[in-house]
PDB file of all heavy atoms in Angstrom:
ATOM      1  N   THR A   1     -72.676-115.456  15.543  1.00  0.00           N
ATOM      2  CA  THR A   1     -73.041-115.940  16.888  1.00  0.00           C
ATOM      3  C   THR A   1     -73.299-117.441  16.909  1.00  0.00           C
ATOM      4  O   THR A   1     -73.703-117.987  17.943  1.00  0.00           O
ATOM      5  CB  THR A   1     -74.306-115.214  17.380  1.00  0.00           C
ATOM      6  OG1 THR A   1     -75.366-115.425  16.430  1.00  0.00           O
ATOM      7  CG2 THR A   1     -74.059-113.725  17.524  1.00  0.00           C
ATOM      8  N   ASP A   2     -73.055-118.133  15.801  1.00  0.00           N
ATOM      9  CA  ASP A   2     -73.437-119.539  15.662  1.00  0.00           C
ATOM     10  C   ASP A   2     -72.698-120.471  16.616  1.00  0.00           C
ATOM     11  O   ASP A   2     -73.173-121.570  16.906  1.00  0.00           O
ATOM     12  CB  ASP A   2     -73.199-119.997  14.215  1.00  0.00           C
ATOM     13  CG  ASP A   2     -74.051-121.192  13.827  1.00  0.00           C
ATOM     14  OD1 ASP A   2     -75.207-121.249  14.269  1.00  0.00           O
ATOM     15  OD2 ASP A   2     -73.556-122.067  13.095  1.00  0.00           O
ATOM     16  N   ASN A   3     -71.525-120.050  17.090  1.00  0.00           N
ATOM     17  CA  ASN A   3     -70.714-120.926  17.956  1.00  0.00           C
ATOM     18  C   ASN A   3     -70.478-120.334  19.340  1.00  0.00           C
ATOM     19  O   ASN A   3     -69.414-120.501  19.937  1.00  0.00           O
ATOM     20  CB  ASN A   3     -69.380-121.227  17.271  1.00  0.00           C
ATOM     21  CG  ASN A   3     -69.548-122.111  16.057  1.00  0.00           C
ATOM     22  OD1 ASN A   3     -69.849-123.296  16.170  1.00  0.00           O
ATOM     23  ND2 ASN A   3     -69.369-121.531  14.875  1.00  0.00           N
ATOM     24  N   GLY A   4     -71.480-119.629  19.847  1.00  0.00           N
ATOM     25  CA  GLY A   4     -71.407-119.168  21.237  1.00  0.00           C
ATOM     26  C   GLY A   4     -70.799-117.807  21.467  1.00  0.00           C
ATOM     27  O   GLY A   4     -70.639-117.382  22.615  1.00  0.00           O
ATOM     28  N   TRP A   5     -70.429-117.105  20.407  1.00  0.00           N
ATOM     29  CA  TRP A   5     -69.930-115.738  20.541  1.00  0.00           C
ATOM     30  C   TRP A   5     -71.122-114.789  20.416  1.00  0.00           C
ATOM     31  O   TRP A   5     -72.010-115.018  19.592  1.00  0.00           O
ATOM     32  CB  TRP A   5     -68.905-115.446  19.435  1.00  0.00           C
ATOM     33  CG  TRP A   5     -68.264-114.085  19.560  1.00  0.00           C
ATOM     34  CD1 TRP A   5     -67.090-113.789  20.176  1.00  0.00           C
ATOM     35  CD2 TRP A   5     -68.786-112.841  19.068  1.00  0.00           C
ATOM     36  NE1 TRP A   5     -66.844-112.451  20.095  1.00  0.00           N
ATOM     37  CE2 TRP A   5     -67.878-111.833  19.434  1.00  0.00           C
ATOM     38  CE3 TRP A   5     -69.931-112.466  18.378  1.00  0.00           C
ATOM     39  CZ2 TRP A   5     -68.068-110.498  19.115  1.00  0.00           C
ATOM     40  CZ3 TRP A   5     -70.139-111.130  18.072  1.00  0.00           C
ATOM     41  CH2 TRP A   5     -69.209-110.161  18.432  1.00  0.00           C
ATOM     42  N   PRO A   6     -71.190-113.700  21.178  1.00  0.00           N
ATOM     43  CA  PRO A   6     -70.227-113.258  22.207  1.00  0.00           C
ATOM     44  C   PRO A   6     -70.424-113.997  23.527  1.00  0.00           C
ATOM     45  O   PRO A   6     -71.539-114.335  23.900  1.00  0.00           O
ATOM     46  CB  PRO A   6     -70.557-111.764  22.364  1.00  0.00           C
ATOM     47  CG  PRO A   6     -72.014-111.666  22.022  1.00  0.00           C
ATOM     48  CD  PRO A   6     -72.265-112.698  20.955  1.00  0.00           C
ATOM     49  N   ARG A   7     -69.307-114.237  24.201  1.00  0.00           N
ATOM     50  CA  ARG A   7     -69.325-114.889  25.506  1.00  0.00           C
ATOM     51  C   ARG A   7     -69.532-113.837  26.600  1.00  0.00           C
ATOM     52  O   ARG A   7     -69.413-112.641  26.329  1.00  0.00           O
ATOM     53  CB  ARG A   7     -67.995-115.629  25.707  1.00  0.00           C
ATOM     54  CG  ARG A   7     -67.770-116.766  24.703  1.00  0.00           C
ATOM     55  CD  ARG A   7     -66.325-117.216  24.671  1.00  0.00           C
ATOM     56  NE  ARG A   7     -65.468-116.231  24.031  1.00  0.00           N
ATOM     57  CZ  ARG A   7     -65.230-116.168  22.726  1.00  0.00           C
ATOM     58  NH1 ARG A   7     -65.803-117.032  21.905  1.00  0.00           N
ATOM     59  NH2 ARG A   7     -64.436-115.244  22.221  1.00  0.00           N
ATOM     60  N   PRO A   8     -69.832-114.264  27.832  1.00  0.00           N
ATOM     61  CA  PRO A   8     -70.015-113.287  28.918  1.00  0.00           C
ATOM     62  C   PRO A   8     -68.833-112.329  29.062  1.00  0.00           C
ATOM     63  O   PRO A   8     -69.022-111.120  29.254  1.00  0.00           O
ATOM     64  CB  PRO A   8     -70.178-114.172  30.156  1.00  0.00           C
ATOM     65  CG  PRO A   8     -70.812-115.418  29.628  1.00  0.00           C
ATOM     66  CD  PRO A   8     -70.178-115.633  28.285  1.00  0.00           C
ATOM     67  N   ASN A   9     -67.602-112.869  28.953  1.00  0.00           N
ATOM     68  CA  ASN A   9     -66.423-111.998  29.083  1.00  0.00           C
ATOM     69  C   ASN A   9     -66.269-111.063  27.881  1.00  0.00           C
ATOM     70  O   ASN A   9     -65.653-110.003  27.979  1.00  0.00           O
ATOM     71  CB  ASN A   9     -65.158-112.843  29.241  1.00  0.00           C
ATOM     72  CG  ASN A   9     -65.025-113.405  30.642  1.00  0.00           C
ATOM     73  OD1 ASN A   9     -65.719-112.972  31.557  1.00  0.00           O
ATOM     74  ND2 ASN A   9     -64.154-114.394  30.810  1.00  0.00           N
ATOM     75  N   THR A  10     -66.800-111.481  26.714  1.00  0.00           N
ATOM     76  CA  THR A  10     -66.758-110.616  25.535  1.00  0.00           C
ATOM     77  C   THR A  10     -67.537-109.341  25.807  1.00  0.00           C
ATOM     78  O   THR A  10     -67.117-108.238  25.439  1.00  0.00           O
ATOM     79  CB  THR A  10     -67.365-111.328  24.313  1.00  0.00           C
ATOM     80  OG1 THR A  10     -66.888-112.665  24.239  1.00  0.00           O
ATOM     81  CG2 THR A  10     -67.000-110.596  23.029  1.00  0.00           C
ATOM     82  N   ARG A  11     -68.680-109.494  26.443  1.00  0.00           N
ATOM     83  CA  ARG A  11     -69.546-108.340  26.726  1.00  0.00           C
ATOM     84  C   ARG A  11     -68.886-107.387  27.725  1.00  0.00           C
ATOM     85  O   ARG A  11     -69.177-106.189  27.730  1.00  0.00           O
ATOM     86  CB  ARG A  11     -70.895-108.830  27.261  1.00  0.00           C
ATOM     87  CG  ARG A  11     -71.626-109.730  26.274  1.00  0.00           C
ATOM     88  CD  ARG A  11     -72.974-110.186  26.831  1.00  0.00           C
ATOM     89  NE  ARG A  11     -73.574-111.221  26.008  1.00  0.00           N
ATOM     90  CZ  ARG A  11     -74.224-111.009  24.869  1.00  0.00           C
ATOM     91  NH1 ARG A  11     -74.376-109.763  24.428  1.00  0.00           N
ATOM     92  NH2 ARG A  11     -74.742-112.011  24.181  1.00  0.00           N
ATOM     93  N   LYS A  12     -68.001-107.931  28.568  1.00  0.00           N
ATOM     94  CA  LYS A  12     -67.268-107.072  29.511  1.00  0.00           C
ATOM     95  C   LYS A  12     -66.154-106.304  28.797  1.00  0.00           C
ATOM     96  O   LYS A  12     -65.826-105.180  29.170  1.00  0.00           O
ATOM     97  CB  LYS A  12     -66.667-107.919  30.630  1.00  0.00           C
ATOM     98  CG  LYS A  12     -67.681-108.621  31.525  1.00  0.00           C
ATOM     99  CD  LYS A  12     -66.967-109.482  32.561  1.00  0.00           C
ATOM    100  CE  LYS A  12     -67.948-110.266  33.424  1.00  0.00           C
ATOM    101  NZ  LYS A  12     -67.239-111.149  34.394  1.00  0.00           N
ATOM    102  N   ALA A  13     -65.579-106.951  27.780  1.00  0.00           N
ATOM    103  CA  ALA A  13     -64.399-106.369  27.126  1.00  0.00           C
ATOM    104  C   ALA A  13     -64.740-105.334  26.068  1.00  0.00           C
ATOM    105  O   ALA A  13     -63.965-104.401  25.824  1.00  0.00           O
ATOM    106  CB  ALA A  13     -63.556-107.485  26.501  1.00  0.00           C
ATOM    107  N   PHE A  14     -65.922-105.470  25.420  1.00  0.00           N
ATOM    108  CA  PHE A  14     -66.233-104.606  24.290  1.00  0.00           C
ATOM    109  C   PHE A  14     -67.576-103.915  24.462  1.00  0.00           C
ATOM    110  O   PHE A  14     -68.531-104.499  24.981  1.00  0.00           O
ATOM    111  CB  PHE A  14     -66.233-105.417  22.989  1.00  0.00           C
ATOM    112  CG  PHE A  14     -64.930-106.118  22.715  1.00  0.00           C
ATOM    113  CD1 PHE A  14     -64.847-107.502  22.753  1.00  0.00           C
ATOM    114  CD2 PHE A  14     -63.787-105.395  22.435  1.00  0.00           C
ATOM    115  CE1 PHE A  14     -63.650-108.149  22.519  1.00  0.00           C
ATOM    116  CE2 PHE A  14     -62.582-106.029  22.201  1.00  0.00           C
ATOM    117  CZ  PHE A  14     -62.510-107.415  22.247  1.00  0.00           C
ATOM    118  N   ASP A  15     -67.630-102.685  23.996  1.00  0.00           N
ATOM    119  CA  ASP A  15     -68.848-101.905  24.023  1.00  0.00           C
ATOM    120  C   ASP A  15     -69.934-102.591  23.188  1.00  0.00           C
ATOM    121  O   ASP A  15     -69.652-103.223  22.173  1.00  0.00           O
ATOM    122  CB  ASP A  15     -68.551-100.509  23.455  1.00  0.00           C
ATOM    123  CG  ASP A  15     -69.734 -99.575  23.579  1.00  0.00           C
ATOM    124  OD1 ASP A  15     -70.603 -99.616  22.690  1.00  0.00           O
ATOM    125  OD2 ASP A  15     -69.774 -98.818  24.555  1.00  0.00           O
ATOM    126  N   SER A  16     -71.181-102.459  23.608  1.00  0.00           N
ATOM    127  CA  SER A  16     -72.292-103.110  22.906  1.00  0.00           C
ATOM    128  C   SER A  16     -72.394-102.646  21.455  1.00  0.00           C
ATOM    129  O   SER A  16     -72.794-103.406  20.573  1.00  0.00           O
ATOM    130  CB  SER A  16     -73.617-102.854  23.638  1.00  0.00           C
ATOM    131  OG  SER A  16     -73.895-101.463  23.700  1.00  0.00           O
ATOM    132  N   ARG A  17     -72.012-101.398  21.175  1.00  0.00           N
ATOM    133  CA  ARG A  17     -72.052-100.900  19.793  1.00  0.00           C
ATOM    134  C   ARG A  17     -71.046-101.640  18.917  1.00  0.00           C
ATOM    135  O   ARG A  17     -71.314-101.907  17.737  1.00  0.00           O
ATOM    136  CB  ARG A  17     -71.773 -99.401  19.763  1.00  0.00           C
ATOM    137  CG  ARG A  17     -72.852 -98.530  20.386  1.00  0.00           C
ATOM    138  CD  ARG A  17     -72.391 -97.088  20.463  1.00  0.00           C
ATOM    139  NE  ARG A  17     -71.195 -96.958  21.295  1.00  0.00           N
ATOM    140  CZ  ARG A  17     -70.494 -95.837  21.430  1.00  0.00           C
ATOM    141  NH1 ARG A  17     -70.871 -94.742  20.764  1.00  0.00           N
ATOM    142  NH2 ARG A  17     -69.432 -95.787  22.199  1.00  0.00           N
ATOM    143  N   VAL A  18     -69.881-101.960  19.488  1.00  0.00           N
ATOM    144  CA  VAL A  18     -68.872-102.719  18.752  1.00  0.00           C
ATOM    145  C   VAL A  18     -69.397-104.125  18.458  1.00  0.00           C
ATOM    146  O   VAL A  18     -69.289-104.632  17.336  1.00  0.00           O
ATOM    147  CB  VAL A  18     -67.546-102.796  19.545  1.00  0.00           C
ATOM    148  CG1 VAL A  18     -66.552-103.717  18.839  1.00  0.00           C
ATOM    149  CG2 VAL A  18     -66.950-101.405  19.727  1.00  0.00           C
ATOM    150  N   LEU A  19     -69.997-104.756  19.474  1.00  0.00           N
ATOM    151  CA  LEU A  19     -70.531-106.105  19.301  1.00  0.00           C
ATOM    152  C   LEU A  19     -71.645-106.122  18.259  1.00  0.00           C
ATOM    153  O   LEU A  19     -71.705-107.030  17.425  1.00  0.00           O
ATOM    154  CB  LEU A  19     -71.049-106.641  20.636  1.00  0.00           C
ATOM    155  CG  LEU A  19     -70.013-106.771  21.769  1.00  0.00           C
ATOM    156  CD1 LEU A  19     -70.671-107.345  23.011  1.00  0.00           C
ATOM    157  CD2 LEU A  19     -68.850-107.644  21.331  1.00  0.00           C
ATOM    158  N   ASP A  20     -72.518-105.122  18.299  1.00  0.00           N
ATOM    159  CA  ASP A  20     -73.621-105.057  17.327  1.00  0.00           C
ATOM    160  C   ASP A  20     -73.082-104.888  15.906  1.00  0.00           C
ATOM    161  O   ASP A  20     -73.608-105.480  14.956  1.00  0.00           O
ATOM    162  CB  ASP A  20     -74.567-103.904  17.667  1.00  0.00           C
ATOM    163  CG  ASP A  20     -75.386-104.170  18.927  1.00  0.00           C
ATOM    164  OD1 ASP A  20     -75.475-105.349  19.342  1.00  0.00           O
ATOM    165  OD2 ASP A  20     -75.926-103.197  19.509  1.00  0.00           O
ATOM    166  N   GLY A  21     -72.027-104.095  15.772  1.00  0.00           N
ATOM    167  CA  GLY A  21     -71.423-103.893  14.453  1.00  0.00           C
ATOM    168  C   GLY A  21     -70.815-105.170  13.908  1.00  0.00           C
ATOM    169  O   GLY A  21     -70.920-105.468  12.710  1.00  0.00           O
ATOM    170  N   ILE A  22     -70.192-105.947  14.783  1.00  0.00           N
ATOM    171  CA  ILE A  22     -69.596-107.221  14.373  1.00  0.00           C
ATOM    172  C   ILE A  22     -70.680-108.202  13.945  1.00  0.00           C
ATOM    173  O   ILE A  22     -70.563-108.888  12.930  1.00  0.00           O
ATOM    174  CB  ILE A  22     -68.752-107.817  15.515  1.00  0.00           C
ATOM    175  CG1 ILE A  22     -67.545-106.915  15.811  1.00  0.00           C
ATOM    176  CG2 ILE A  22     -68.276-109.224  15.164  1.00  0.00           C
ATOM    177  CD1 ILE A  22     -66.791-107.286  17.073  1.00  0.00           C
ATOM    178  N   LYS A  23     -71.763-108.248  14.721  1.00  0.00           N
ATOM    179  CA  LYS A  23     -72.875-109.148  14.384  1.00  0.00           C
ATOM    180  C   LYS A  23     -73.460-108.799  13.019  1.00  0.00           C
ATOM    181  O   LYS A  23     -73.781-109.677  12.220  1.00  0.00           O
ATOM    182  CB  LYS A  23     -73.965-109.059  15.450  1.00  0.00           C
ATOM    183  CG  LYS A  23     -73.579-109.633  16.802  1.00  0.00           C
ATOM    184  CD  LYS A  23     -74.714-109.399  17.804  1.00  0.00           C
ATOM    185  CE  LYS A  23     -74.300-109.776  19.211  1.00  0.00           C
ATOM    186  NZ  LYS A  23     -75.367-109.471  20.198  1.00  0.00           N
ATOM    187  N   THR A  24     -73.604-107.515  12.768  1.00  0.00           N
ATOM    188  CA  THR A  24     -74.180-107.066  11.494  1.00  0.00           C
ATOM    189  C   THR A  24     -73.273-107.427  10.324  1.00  0.00           C
ATOM    190  O   THR A  24     -73.739-107.806   9.240  1.00  0.00           O
ATOM    191  CB  THR A  24     -74.401-105.538  11.523  1.00  0.00           C
ATOM    192  OG1 THR A  24     -75.277-105.214  12.595  1.00  0.00           O
ATOM    193  CG2 THR A  24     -74.994-105.049  10.213  1.00  0.00           C
ATOM    194  N   THR A  25     -71.970-107.357  10.528  1.00  0.00           N
ATOM    195  CA  THR A  25     -71.005-107.675   9.468  1.00  0.00           C
ATOM    196  C   THR A  25     -71.111-109.137   9.059  1.00  0.00           C
ATOM    197  O   THR A  25     -71.093-109.469   7.877  1.00  0.00           O
ATOM    198  CB  THR A  25     -69.574-107.369   9.949  1.00  0.00           C
ATOM    199  OG1 THR A  25     -69.483-105.975  10.281  1.00  0.00           O
ATOM    200  CG2 THR A  25     -68.564-107.703   8.874  1.00  0.00           C
ATOM    201  N   GLY A  26     -71.211-110.018  10.051  1.00  0.00           N
ATOM    202  CA  GLY A  26     -71.452-111.429   9.773  1.00  0.00           C
ATOM    203  C   GLY A  26     -70.275-112.183   9.188  1.00  0.00           C
ATOM    204  O   GLY A  26     -69.114-111.807   9.344  1.00  0.00           O
ATOM    205  N   THR A  27     -70.585-113.270   8.470  1.00  0.00           N
ATOM    206  CA  THR A  27     -69.575-114.176   7.914  1.00  0.00           C
ATOM    207  C   THR A  27     -69.699-114.241   6.389  1.00  0.00           C
ATOM    208  O   THR A  27     -70.638-113.723   5.806  1.00  0.00           O
ATOM    209  CB  THR A  27     -69.760-115.596   8.477  1.00  0.00           C
ATOM    210  OG1 THR A  27     -71.045-116.095   8.067  1.00  0.00           O
ATOM    211  CG2 THR A  27     -69.675-115.615   9.996  1.00  0.00           C
ATOM    212  N   HIS A  28     -68.734-114.893   5.783  1.00  0.00           N
ATOM    213  CA  HIS A  28     -68.830-115.218   4.359  1.00  0.00           C
ATOM    214  C   HIS A  28     -68.086-116.521   4.122  1.00  0.00           C
ATOM    215  O   HIS A  28     -67.434-117.053   5.028  1.00  0.00           O
ATOM    216  CB  HIS A  28     -68.293-114.073   3.489  1.00  0.00           C
ATOM    217  CG  HIS A  28     -66.848-113.755   3.697  1.00  0.00           C
ATOM    218  ND1 HIS A  28     -65.934-113.698   2.673  1.00  0.00           N
ATOM    219  CD2 HIS A  28     -66.126-113.471   4.820  1.00  0.00           C
ATOM    220  CE1 HIS A  28     -64.740-113.381   3.133  1.00  0.00           C
ATOM    221  NE2 HIS A  28     -64.837-113.234   4.440  1.00  0.00           N
ATOM    222  N   LEU A  29     -68.186-117.059   2.926  1.00  0.00           N
ATOM    223  CA  LEU A  29     -67.560-118.337   2.600  1.00  0.00           C
ATOM    224  C   LEU A  29     -66.417-118.121   1.629  1.00  0.00           C
ATOM    225  O   LEU A  29     -66.518-117.325   0.689  1.00  0.00           O
ATOM    226  CB  LEU A  29     -68.576-119.301   1.984  1.00  0.00           C
ATOM    227  CG  LEU A  29     -69.807-119.641   2.824  1.00  0.00           C
ATOM    228  CD1 LEU A  29     -70.747-120.548   2.031  1.00  0.00           C
ATOM    229  CD2 LEU A  29     -69.412-120.306   4.142  1.00  0.00           C
ATOM    230  N   VAL A  30     -65.309-118.860   1.839  1.00  0.00           N
ATOM    231  CA  VAL A  30     -64.152-118.766   0.944  1.00  0.00           C
ATOM    232  C   VAL A  30     -63.705-120.183   0.562  1.00  0.00           C
ATOM    233  O   VAL A  30     -63.914-121.136   1.313  1.00  0.00           O
ATOM    234  CB  VAL A  30     -62.984-117.998   1.607  1.00  0.00           C
ATOM    235  CG1 VAL A  30     -63.377-116.551   1.881  1.00  0.00           C
ATOM    236  CG2 VAL A  30     -62.526-118.667   2.897  1.00  0.00           C
ATOM    237  N   PRO A  31     -63.070-120.343  -0.613  1.00  0.00           N
ATOM    238  CA  PRO A  31     -62.722-121.680  -1.110  1.00  0.00           C
ATOM    239  C   PRO A  31     -61.422-122.236  -0.533  1.00  0.00           C
ATOM    240  O   PRO A  31     -60.452-122.492  -1.255  1.00  0.00           O
ATOM    241  CB  PRO A  31     -62.619-121.458  -2.627  1.00  0.00           C
ATOM    242  CG  PRO A  31     -62.145-120.049  -2.744  1.00  0.00           C
ATOM    243  CD  PRO A  31     -62.794-119.295  -1.622  1.00  0.00           C
ATOM    244  N   LYS A  32     -61.420-122.480   0.750  1.00  0.00           N
ATOM    245  CA  LYS A  32     -60.212-123.001   1.407  1.00  0.00           C
ATOM    246  C   LYS A  32     -60.059-124.498   1.176  1.00  0.00           C
ATOM    247  O   LYS A  32     -58.954-125.014   1.081  1.00  0.00           O
ATOM    248  CB  LYS A  32     -60.259-122.687   2.902  1.00  0.00           C
ATOM    249  CG  LYS A  32     -58.941-122.929   3.625  1.00  0.00           C
ATOM    250  CD  LYS A  32     -59.008-122.421   5.056  1.00  0.00           C
ATOM    251  CE  LYS A  32     -57.677-122.605   5.775  1.00  0.00           C
ATOM    252  NZ  LYS A  32     -57.735-122.106   7.163  1.00  0.00           N
ATOM    253  N   GLY A  33     -61.175-125.218   1.115  1.00  0.00           N
ATOM    254  CA  GLY A  33     -61.134-126.638   0.806  1.00  0.00           C
ATOM    255  C   GLY A  33     -61.388-126.870  -0.671  1.00  0.00           C
ATOM    256  O   GLY A  33     -61.819-125.964  -1.391  1.00  0.00           O
ATOM    257  N   ASP A  34     -61.125-128.089  -1.152  1.00  0.00           N
ATOM    258  CA  ASP A  34     -61.387-128.386  -2.555  1.00  0.00           C
ATOM    259  C   ASP A  34     -62.867-128.643  -2.804  1.00  0.00           C
ATOM    260  O   ASP A  34     -63.413-128.234  -3.828  1.00  0.00           O
ATOM    261  CB  ASP A  34     -60.576-129.610  -2.992  1.00  0.00           C
ATOM    262  CG  ASP A  34     -59.098-129.300  -3.160  1.00  0.00           C
ATOM    263  OD1 ASP A  34     -58.759-128.110  -3.351  1.00  0.00           O
ATOM    264  OD2 ASP A  34     -58.278-130.238  -3.106  1.00  0.00           O
ATOM    265  N   ASN A  35     -63.527-129.337  -1.854  1.00  0.00           N
ATOM    266  CA  ASN A  35     -64.936-129.683  -2.047  1.00  0.00           C
ATOM    267  C   ASN A  35     -65.852-129.067  -0.991  1.00  0.00           C
ATOM    268  O   ASN A  35     -67.065-129.261  -1.040  1.00  0.00           O
ATOM    269  CB  ASN A  35     -65.117-131.199  -2.075  1.00  0.00           C
ATOM    270  CG  ASN A  35     -64.751-131.866  -0.754  1.00  0.00           C
ATOM    271  OD1 ASN A  35     -63.971-131.320   0.027  1.00  0.00           O
ATOM    272  ND2 ASN A  35     -65.311-133.033  -0.516  1.00  0.00           N
ATOM    273  N   VAL A  36     -65.287-128.360  -0.034  1.00  0.00           N
ATOM    274  CA  VAL A  36     -66.083-127.688   0.998  1.00  0.00           C
ATOM    275  C   VAL A  36     -65.594-126.253   1.158  1.00  0.00           C
ATOM    276  O   VAL A  36     -64.406-125.961   0.998  1.00  0.00           O
ATOM    277  CB  VAL A  36     -66.006-128.418   2.358  1.00  0.00           C
ATOM    278  CG1 VAL A  36     -66.785-129.720   2.322  1.00  0.00           C
ATOM    279  CG2 VAL A  36     -64.564-128.663   2.781  1.00  0.00           C
ATOM    280  N   TRP A  37     -66.537-125.362   1.448  1.00  0.00           N
ATOM    281  CA  TRP A  37     -66.231-123.945   1.644  1.00  0.00           C
ATOM    282  C   TRP A  37     -65.922-123.687   3.114  1.00  0.00           C
ATOM    283  O   TRP A  37     -66.563-124.259   4.007  1.00  0.00           O
ATOM    284  CB  TRP A  37     -67.422-123.088   1.229  1.00  0.00           C
ATOM    285  CG  TRP A  37     -67.739-123.162  -0.224  1.00  0.00           C
ATOM    286  CD1 TRP A  37     -68.501-124.098  -0.853  1.00  0.00           C
ATOM    287  CD2 TRP A  37     -67.273-122.264  -1.237  1.00  0.00           C
ATOM    288  NE1 TRP A  37     -68.539-123.844  -2.196  1.00  0.00           N
ATOM    289  CE2 TRP A  37     -67.811-122.725  -2.469  1.00  0.00           C
ATOM    290  CE3 TRP A  37     -66.481-121.113  -1.230  1.00  0.00           C
ATOM    291  CZ2 TRP A  37     -67.560-122.075  -3.668  1.00  0.00           C
ATOM    292  CZ3 TRP A  37     -66.237-120.465  -2.426  1.00  0.00           C
ATOM    293  CH2 TRP A  37     -66.768-120.941  -3.626  1.00  0.00           C
ATOM    294  N   ALA A  38     -64.952-122.824   3.388  1.00  0.00           N
ATOM    295  CA  ALA A  38     -64.633-122.454   4.773  1.00  0.00           C
ATOM    296  C   ALA A  38     -65.492-121.272   5.186  1.00  0.00           C
ATOM    297  O   ALA A  38     -65.653-120.306   4.433  1.00  0.00           O
ATOM    298  CB  ALA A  38     -63.163-122.087   4.907  1.00  0.00           C
TER     299      ALA A  38
END
């Protein structure tokens, strides 16, 4: 949710249980850059 997701239209498109599941899953970091993680 760090960059404004879910948006108002997101809440219209997806069930709250789906949104809660996505929030719980969260993010992770991968070595896409040489000196910074994506």
